[in-house]
């Protein structure tokens, strides 16, 4: 079964970016490495603060669109419901 992830990345100043991927570790590494120019590189968005797992890409894309449509306060409430201190959930994935 394929697995899909909806994720929220944040900068230290809590600028947010939401996305969907089928390989969360690779995608987080891409953000951290600033491999793509643009919003996430410009704002140093490199910390995984929330993710959800789906078995159906359509459900994952639907959830991503819903989160993106929310206001900032609702996205913050979602993050803090499972990660109150905004810890980087990918800490330790890539060694030192």
N, C-alpha and C. Protein backbone atom coordinates (compact mmCIF):
# COMPACT_ATOMS: atom_id res chain seq x y z
N UNK A 1 0.84 -1.20 0.00
CA UNK A 1 0.00 0.00 0.00
C UNK A 1 0.88 1.25 0.00
N UNK A 2 0.55 2.20 -0.85
CA UNK A 2 1.26 3.46 -0.88
C UNK A 2 0.85 4.31 0.33
N UNK A 3 1.79 5.12 0.79
CA UNK A 3 1.53 6.02 1.90
C UNK A 3 1.78 7.44 1.44
N UNK A 4 0.92 8.35 1.84
CA UNK A 4 1.03 9.76 1.49
C UNK A 4 0.98 10.58 2.77
N UNK A 5 1.64 11.70 2.74
CA UNK A 5 1.75 12.54 3.93
C UNK A 5 1.34 13.97 3.60
N UNK A 6 0.55 14.54 4.48
CA UNK A 6 0.31 15.98 4.47
C UNK A 6 1.17 16.52 5.60
N UNK A 7 1.94 17.55 5.31
CA UNK A 7 2.89 18.04 6.32
C UNK A 7 2.83 19.55 6.42
N UNK A 8 3.26 20.03 7.58
CA UNK A 8 3.45 21.46 7.78
C UNK A 8 4.88 21.67 8.25
N UNK A 9 5.59 22.51 7.53
CA UNK A 9 6.95 22.90 7.89
C UNK A 9 6.88 24.33 8.43
N UNK A 10 7.84 24.68 9.29
CA UNK A 10 7.86 26.02 9.87
C UNK A 10 9.30 26.53 9.95
N UNK A 11 9.42 27.85 9.96
CA UNK A 11 10.70 28.48 10.24
C UNK A 11 10.77 28.76 11.74
N UNK A 12 11.92 29.21 12.20
CA UNK A 12 12.03 29.56 13.62
C UNK A 12 11.06 30.67 13.99
N UNK A 13 10.78 31.57 13.04
CA UNK A 13 9.83 32.66 13.31
C UNK A 13 8.38 32.23 13.05
N UNK A 14 8.19 30.93 12.77
CA UNK A 14 6.87 30.31 12.60
C UNK A 14 6.15 30.72 11.32
N UNK A 15 6.91 31.00 10.28
CA UNK A 15 6.33 31.10 8.94
C UNK A 15 6.03 29.66 8.52
N UNK A 16 4.85 29.42 7.95
CA UNK A 16 4.38 28.07 7.69
C UNK A 16 4.32 27.73 6.20
N UNK A 17 4.50 26.45 5.91
CA UNK A 17 4.31 25.93 4.56
C UNK A 17 3.67 24.55 4.68
N UNK A 18 2.62 24.32 3.91
CA UNK A 18 1.90 23.04 3.91
C UNK A 18 2.09 22.36 2.58
N UNK A 19 2.28 21.04 2.60
CA UNK A 19 2.44 20.30 1.36
C UNK A 19 1.99 18.87 1.50
N UNK A 20 2.11 18.13 0.39
CA UNK A 20 1.77 16.70 0.35
C UNK A 20 2.90 15.98 -0.39
N UNK A 21 3.22 14.77 0.06
CA UNK A 21 4.30 13.99 -0.54
C UNK A 21 4.07 12.50 -0.29
N UNK A 22 4.76 11.66 -1.08
CA UNK A 22 4.72 10.22 -0.82
C UNK A 22 6.01 9.76 -0.14
N UNK A 23 6.93 10.69 0.13
CA UNK A 23 8.18 10.36 0.81
C UNK A 23 8.55 11.52 1.75
N UNK A 24 8.10 11.42 2.98
CA UNK A 24 8.24 12.53 3.92
C UNK A 24 9.71 12.81 4.25
N UNK A 25 10.51 11.77 4.45
CA UNK A 25 11.92 12.01 4.78
C UNK A 25 12.64 12.75 3.66
N UNK A 26 12.42 12.32 2.43
CA UNK A 26 13.05 12.99 1.28
C UNK A 26 12.59 14.45 1.17
N UNK A 27 11.28 14.66 1.35
CA UNK A 27 10.73 16.01 1.18
C UNK A 27 11.27 16.96 2.26
N UNK A 28 11.34 16.50 3.50
CA UNK A 28 11.88 17.33 4.58
C UNK A 28 13.35 17.66 4.28
N UNK A 29 14.10 16.67 3.81
CA UNK A 29 15.50 16.91 3.47
C UNK A 29 15.62 17.94 2.34
N UNK A 30 14.72 17.88 1.37
CA UNK A 30 14.73 18.89 0.29
C UNK A 30 14.50 20.28 0.86
N UNK A 31 13.56 20.41 1.78
CA UNK A 31 13.32 21.72 2.41
C UNK A 31 14.55 22.17 3.19
N UNK A 32 15.10 21.27 3.99
CA UNK A 32 16.27 21.61 4.81
C UNK A 32 17.47 22.01 3.96
N UNK A 33 17.64 21.35 2.82
CA UNK A 33 18.79 21.59 1.95
C UNK A 33 18.58 22.78 1.03
N UNK A 34 17.36 23.34 1.03
CA UNK A 34 17.01 24.46 0.16
C UNK A 34 17.29 24.13 -1.30
N UNK A 35 16.93 22.90 -1.70
CA UNK A 35 17.19 22.46 -3.06
C UNK A 35 16.36 23.20 -4.09
N UNK A 36 15.21 23.70 -3.69
CA UNK A 36 14.37 24.46 -4.60
C UNK A 36 14.33 25.91 -4.14
N UNK A 37 14.61 26.81 -5.08
CA UNK A 37 14.50 28.22 -4.75
C UNK A 37 13.03 28.54 -4.54
N UNK A 38 12.78 29.58 -3.77
CA UNK A 38 11.40 30.00 -3.59
C UNK A 38 11.08 30.26 -2.13
N UNK A 39 9.80 30.16 -1.83
CA UNK A 39 9.26 30.55 -0.53
C UNK A 39 9.96 29.87 0.63
N UNK A 40 10.07 28.54 0.61
CA UNK A 40 10.62 27.84 1.77
C UNK A 40 12.11 28.14 1.95
N UNK A 41 12.84 28.29 0.87
CA UNK A 41 14.26 28.64 0.97
C UNK A 41 14.42 30.08 1.47
N UNK A 42 13.63 30.98 0.91
CA UNK A 42 13.73 32.40 1.27
C UNK A 42 13.42 32.64 2.74
N UNK A 43 12.46 31.92 3.29
CA UNK A 43 12.05 32.12 4.68
C UNK A 43 12.65 31.08 5.64
N UNK A 44 13.58 30.28 5.16
CA UNK A 44 14.28 29.29 5.98
C UNK A 44 13.30 28.35 6.70
N UNK A 45 12.34 27.85 5.94
CA UNK A 45 11.33 26.93 6.48
C UNK A 45 11.92 25.53 6.43
N UNK A 46 12.38 25.04 7.59
CA UNK A 46 13.15 23.80 7.61
C UNK A 46 12.82 22.87 8.78
N UNK A 47 11.74 23.14 9.48
CA UNK A 47 11.38 22.31 10.64
C UNK A 47 10.01 21.67 10.41
N UNK A 48 9.95 20.33 10.53
CA UNK A 48 8.70 19.60 10.39
C UNK A 48 7.94 19.72 11.72
N UNK A 49 6.78 20.37 11.70
CA UNK A 49 6.04 20.58 12.95
C UNK A 49 4.72 19.80 13.01
N UNK A 50 4.29 19.25 11.87
CA UNK A 50 3.04 18.48 11.85
C UNK A 50 3.03 17.60 10.60
N UNK A 51 2.50 16.39 10.75
CA UNK A 51 2.22 15.58 9.56
C UNK A 51 1.09 14.61 9.85
N UNK A 52 0.41 14.23 8.78
CA UNK A 52 -0.68 13.26 8.82
C UNK A 52 -0.42 12.21 7.74
N UNK A 53 -0.84 10.98 7.98
CA UNK A 53 -0.58 9.87 7.07
C UNK A 53 -1.89 9.43 6.42
N UNK A 54 -1.83 9.17 5.10
CA UNK A 54 -2.99 8.74 4.33
C UNK A 54 -2.63 7.57 3.44
N UNK A 55 -3.58 6.73 3.14
CA UNK A 55 -3.38 5.62 2.22
C UNK A 55 -3.92 5.92 0.84
N UNK A 56 -4.57 7.07 0.66
CA UNK A 56 -5.20 7.45 -0.61
C UNK A 56 -4.75 8.87 -0.96
N UNK A 57 -4.13 9.04 -2.10
CA UNK A 57 -3.61 10.35 -2.50
C UNK A 57 -4.73 11.39 -2.59
N UNK A 58 -5.92 10.98 -2.99
CA UNK A 58 -7.02 11.94 -3.11
C UNK A 58 -7.40 12.52 -1.74
N UNK A 59 -7.39 11.66 -0.72
CA UNK A 59 -7.69 12.14 0.63
C UNK A 59 -6.59 13.07 1.13
N UNK A 60 -5.34 12.72 0.81
CA UNK A 60 -4.21 13.55 1.24
C UNK A 60 -4.28 14.93 0.58
N UNK A 61 -4.54 14.97 -0.72
CA UNK A 61 -4.64 16.25 -1.42
C UNK A 61 -5.82 17.06 -0.90
N UNK A 62 -6.92 16.38 -0.60
CA UNK A 62 -8.08 17.06 -0.03
C UNK A 62 -7.75 17.70 1.31
N UNK A 63 -7.03 16.99 2.15
CA UNK A 63 -6.64 17.53 3.46
C UNK A 63 -5.67 18.69 3.30
N UNK A 64 -4.71 18.56 2.37
CA UNK A 64 -3.77 19.66 2.12
C UNK A 64 -4.53 20.92 1.70
N UNK A 65 -5.47 20.78 0.78
CA UNK A 65 -6.24 21.93 0.31
C UNK A 65 -7.04 22.55 1.45
N UNK A 66 -7.61 21.69 2.30
CA UNK A 66 -8.40 22.19 3.44
C UNK A 66 -7.52 23.00 4.39
N UNK A 67 -6.34 22.45 4.74
CA UNK A 67 -5.43 23.15 5.65
C UNK A 67 -4.99 24.48 5.04
N UNK A 68 -4.67 24.47 3.75
CA UNK A 68 -4.23 25.71 3.09
C UNK A 68 -5.33 26.77 3.07
N UNK A 69 -6.58 26.33 3.08
CA UNK A 69 -7.71 27.27 3.07
C UNK A 69 -7.99 27.88 4.44
N UNK A 70 -7.49 27.22 5.48
CA UNK A 70 -7.71 27.70 6.84
C UNK A 70 -6.94 28.99 7.09
N UNK A 71 -7.38 29.73 8.08
CA UNK A 71 -6.63 30.88 8.55
C UNK A 71 -5.44 30.42 9.38
N UNK A 72 -4.53 31.33 9.61
CA UNK A 72 -3.30 31.01 10.35
C UNK A 72 -3.60 30.45 11.75
N UNK A 73 -4.56 31.02 12.46
CA UNK A 73 -4.85 30.59 13.83
C UNK A 73 -5.31 29.13 13.87
N UNK A 74 -6.10 28.71 12.89
CA UNK A 74 -6.57 27.33 12.85
C UNK A 74 -5.40 26.38 12.56
N UNK A 75 -4.47 26.80 11.67
CA UNK A 75 -3.28 25.97 11.40
C UNK A 75 -2.41 25.85 12.64
N UNK A 76 -2.25 26.95 13.37
CA UNK A 76 -1.46 26.92 14.61
C UNK A 76 -2.13 25.98 15.62
N UNK A 77 -3.45 26.04 15.74
CA UNK A 77 -4.17 25.15 16.66
C UNK A 77 -3.96 23.69 16.27
N UNK A 78 -3.95 23.38 14.97
CA UNK A 78 -3.70 22.02 14.51
C UNK A 78 -2.30 21.57 14.92
N UNK A 79 -1.30 22.41 14.68
CA UNK A 79 0.08 22.07 15.05
C UNK A 79 0.17 21.83 16.56
N UNK A 80 -0.36 22.76 17.33
CA UNK A 80 -0.22 22.70 18.79
C UNK A 80 -1.05 21.59 19.42
N UNK A 81 -2.05 21.07 18.71
CA UNK A 81 -2.84 19.95 19.25
C UNK A 81 -1.98 18.70 19.38
N UNK A 82 -0.91 18.58 18.57
CA UNK A 82 -0.06 17.41 18.66
C UNK A 82 1.41 17.73 18.93
N UNK A 83 1.75 19.01 18.89
CA UNK A 83 3.15 19.42 19.03
C UNK A 83 3.19 20.79 19.69
N UNK A 84 2.82 20.81 20.95
CA UNK A 84 2.63 22.07 21.68
C UNK A 84 3.84 22.99 21.65
N UNK A 85 5.04 22.40 21.69
CA UNK A 85 6.27 23.19 21.76
C UNK A 85 6.92 23.42 20.40
N UNK A 86 6.24 23.05 19.32
CA UNK A 86 6.74 23.25 17.96
C UNK A 86 8.11 22.59 17.76
N UNK A 87 8.28 21.40 18.35
CA UNK A 87 9.54 20.66 18.15
C UNK A 87 9.64 20.22 16.70
N UNK A 88 10.87 20.09 16.21
CA UNK A 88 11.10 19.57 14.86
C UNK A 88 10.90 18.05 14.92
N UNK A 89 9.84 17.56 14.32
CA UNK A 89 9.50 16.15 14.38
C UNK A 89 10.47 15.28 13.58
N UNK A 90 11.32 15.92 12.77
CA UNK A 90 12.30 15.16 11.98
C UNK A 90 13.67 15.13 12.66
N UNK A 91 13.78 15.68 13.86
CA UNK A 91 15.06 15.63 14.58
C UNK A 91 15.52 14.18 14.70
N UNK A 92 16.76 13.92 14.35
CA UNK A 92 17.32 12.58 14.47
C UNK A 92 17.15 11.73 13.23
N UNK A 93 16.42 12.18 12.23
CA UNK A 93 16.20 11.37 11.03
C UNK A 93 17.47 11.21 10.20
N UNK A 94 18.33 12.21 10.23
CA UNK A 94 19.45 12.25 9.29
C UNK A 94 20.81 12.18 9.99
N UNK A 95 20.85 11.77 11.23
CA UNK A 95 22.12 11.74 11.97
C UNK A 95 22.56 13.16 12.31
N UNK A 96 23.83 13.34 12.54
CA UNK A 96 24.33 14.67 12.91
C UNK A 96 24.60 15.43 11.68
